[in-house]
Amino acid sequence: MARILAIDYGTKRTGIAVTDELQLIASGLTTVKTDDLLSFLKEYCEKEDVERILIGEPKRMNNEASAVEEHILKFCENLEKVIVIPITRVDERFTSKLAVESMIKSGLKKKKRQDKALVDEISATIILQTYLYK
């Protein structure tokens, strides 16, 4: 089997999570500046066997797309030009809130919980878990 990679896309930075080869465990990988995201993914997918890329789909409570969606769609178009791996969109509502809650429950100090890069990475992990455990 190959890995599944999840992306919590942001206009400034993007959280990334990945499974193990057996697709049993979802782990945070890193946070990347969004400007460097395409090159990071291309390089990562050349080194690792990735069978699917999940990209969070931000929606409002009324099920409408959020403002960042137009940026994500453009990113998806560019990604498909660089990497030939299936892309699946996953509803990412509440992932940031769940990420902060998990940080609190794990006992992280307030200063560490304010690290937005860590929140993005954990959010990507939650997106990945949502897909794996459906």
Protein backbone atom coordinates (compact mmCIF):
# COMPACT_ATOMS: atom_id res chain seq x y z
CA MET A 1 0.00 0.00 0.00
CA ALA A 2 0.97 3.62 -0.32
CA ARG A 3 0.58 6.66 1.89
CA ILE A 4 -2.34 9.08 1.92
CA LEU A 5 -1.42 12.73 2.37
CA ALA A 6 -3.78 15.38 3.78
CA ILE A 7 -3.60 19.14 3.36
CA ASP A 8 -5.13 21.88 5.49
CA TYR A 9 -4.67 24.68 2.96
CA GLY A 10 -4.20 28.25 4.09
CA THR A 11 -3.28 31.35 2.15
CA LYS A 12 -0.09 31.87 4.24
CA ARG A 13 0.82 28.40 5.50
CA THR A 14 -0.47 24.89 4.97
CA GLY A 15 -0.58 21.99 7.40
CA ILE A 16 0.30 18.54 6.08
CA ALA A 17 -0.36 15.10 7.55
CA VAL A 18 0.37 11.65 6.20
CA THR A 19 -0.41 8.00 6.90
CA ASP A 20 2.03 5.16 7.29
CA GLU A 21 2.32 2.76 4.34
CA LEU A 22 -0.44 0.51 5.75
CA GLN A 23 -2.77 3.52 6.09
CA LEU A 24 -3.43 2.74 9.73
CA ILE A 25 -1.92 5.74 11.48
CA ALA A 26 -2.42 9.42 10.66
CA SER A 27 0.44 11.67 11.77
CA GLY A 28 1.24 15.32 11.37
CA LEU A 29 4.10 15.78 8.91
CA THR A 30 4.88 19.49 8.79
CA THR A 31 3.65 22.97 8.02
CA VAL A 32 4.86 24.62 4.81
CA LYS A 33 4.64 28.18 3.53
CA THR A 34 1.86 28.03 0.96
CA ASP A 35 4.12 29.69 -1.62
CA ASP A 36 6.43 26.65 -1.32
CA LEU A 37 3.66 24.03 -1.20
CA LEU A 38 3.72 22.79 -4.81
CA SER A 39 7.49 22.24 -4.81
CA PHE A 40 7.33 20.56 -1.38
CA LEU A 41 4.60 18.15 -2.53
CA LYS A 42 6.37 17.36 -5.79
CA GLU A 43 9.57 16.54 -3.94
CA TYR A 44 7.77 14.54 -1.24
CA CYS A 45 5.79 12.49 -3.77
CA GLU A 46 8.98 11.71 -5.70
CA LYS A 47 10.53 10.24 -2.52
CA GLU A 48 7.46 8.57 -1.01
CA ASP A 49 4.76 6.39 -2.53
CA VAL A 50 1.56 8.47 -2.20
CA GLU A 51 -1.68 7.08 -3.62
CA ARG A 52 -4.08 9.91 -2.76
CA ILE A 53 -4.01 13.53 -1.66
CA LEU A 54 -6.79 14.85 0.54
CA ILE A 55 -7.48 18.56 0.54
CA GLY A 56 -9.71 20.15 3.12
CA GLU A 57 -12.93 21.68 1.84
CA PRO A 58 -13.81 24.66 4.04
CA LYS A 59 -17.55 25.24 4.27
CA ARG A 60 -19.69 27.59 6.26
CA MET A 61 -22.47 26.31 8.49
CA ASN A 62 -25.01 26.90 5.70
CA ASN A 63 -22.94 24.56 3.47
CA GLU A 64 -21.64 27.39 1.26
CA ALA A 65 -17.96 27.51 0.35
CA SER A 66 -15.78 29.78 2.45
CA ALA A 67 -13.75 32.65 0.98
CA VAL A 68 -10.51 30.61 0.76
CA GLU A 69 -12.16 28.04 -1.54
CA GLU A 70 -11.29 29.97 -4.71
CA HIS A 71 -7.59 29.81 -3.70
CA ILE A 72 -7.90 26.07 -3.03
CA LEU A 73 -9.49 25.42 -6.43
CA LYS A 74 -6.65 27.27 -8.15
CA PHE A 75 -4.13 25.30 -6.10
CA CYS A 76 -5.84 22.02 -7.11
CA GLU A 77 -5.56 22.98 -10.78
CA ASN A 78 -1.85 23.70 -10.39
CA LEU A 79 -1.27 20.53 -8.36
CA GLU A 80 -2.87 18.37 -11.05
CA LYS A 81 -0.38 19.80 -13.57
CA VAL A 82 2.58 18.80 -11.40
CA ILE A 83 1.51 15.52 -9.74
CA VAL A 84 -0.61 12.72 -11.19
CA ILE A 85 -2.20 11.49 -7.97
CA PRO A 86 -5.96 11.42 -7.28
CA ILE A 87 -7.23 14.34 -5.19
CA THR A 88 -10.16 13.97 -2.81
CA ARG A 89 -11.82 16.86 -1.03
CA VAL A 90 -12.78 16.36 2.62
CA ASP A 91 -15.10 18.58 4.68
CA GLU A 92 -12.89 20.43 7.14
CA ARG A 93 -15.47 22.23 9.24
CA PHE A 94 -14.39 22.55 12.88
CA THR A 95 -10.93 21.04 12.32
CA SER A 96 -9.13 24.09 13.75
CA LYS A 97 -11.38 24.07 16.80
CA LEU A 98 -10.86 20.32 17.25
CA ALA A 99 -7.10 20.82 16.87
CA VAL A 100 -7.01 23.39 19.68
CA GLU A 101 -9.21 21.18 21.87
CA SER A 102 -6.87 18.23 21.34
CA MET A 103 -3.90 20.43 22.25
CA ILE A 104 -5.63 21.43 25.49
CA LYS A 105 -6.50 17.83 26.33
CA SER A 106 -2.92 16.73 25.67
CA GLY A 107 -1.71 19.28 28.22
CA LEU A 108 0.15 21.67 25.93
CA LYS A 109 0.92 25.02 27.50
CA LYS A 110 -0.93 28.11 26.25
CA LYS A 111 2.11 29.45 24.40
CA LYS A 112 2.43 26.21 22.39
CA ARG A 113 -1.33 26.19 21.68
CA GLN A 114 -0.95 29.64 20.08
CA ASP A 115 1.47 28.20 17.51
CA LYS A 116 -0.70 28.48 14.39
CA ALA A 117 1.63 26.23 12.38
CA LEU A 118 1.06 23.43 14.89
CA VAL A 119 -2.71 24.03 14.75
CA ASP A 120 -2.57 23.72 10.94
CA GLU A 121 -0.60 20.47 11.13
CA ILE A 122 -3.02 18.98 13.65
CA SER A 123 -5.96 20.16 11.50
CA ALA A 124 -4.47 18.28 8.53
CA THR A 125 -4.20 15.20 10.75
CA ILE A 126 -7.89 15.53 11.66
CA ILE A 127 -8.80 15.81 7.96
CA LEU A 128 -6.84 12.61 7.37
CA GLN A 129 -8.49 10.81 10.29
CA THR A 130 -11.91 11.88 9.04
CA TYR A 131 -11.19 10.23 5.70
CA LEU A 132 -9.61 7.08 7.15
CA TYR A 133 -12.23 6.33 9.78
CA LYS A 134 -15.40 6.91 7.77
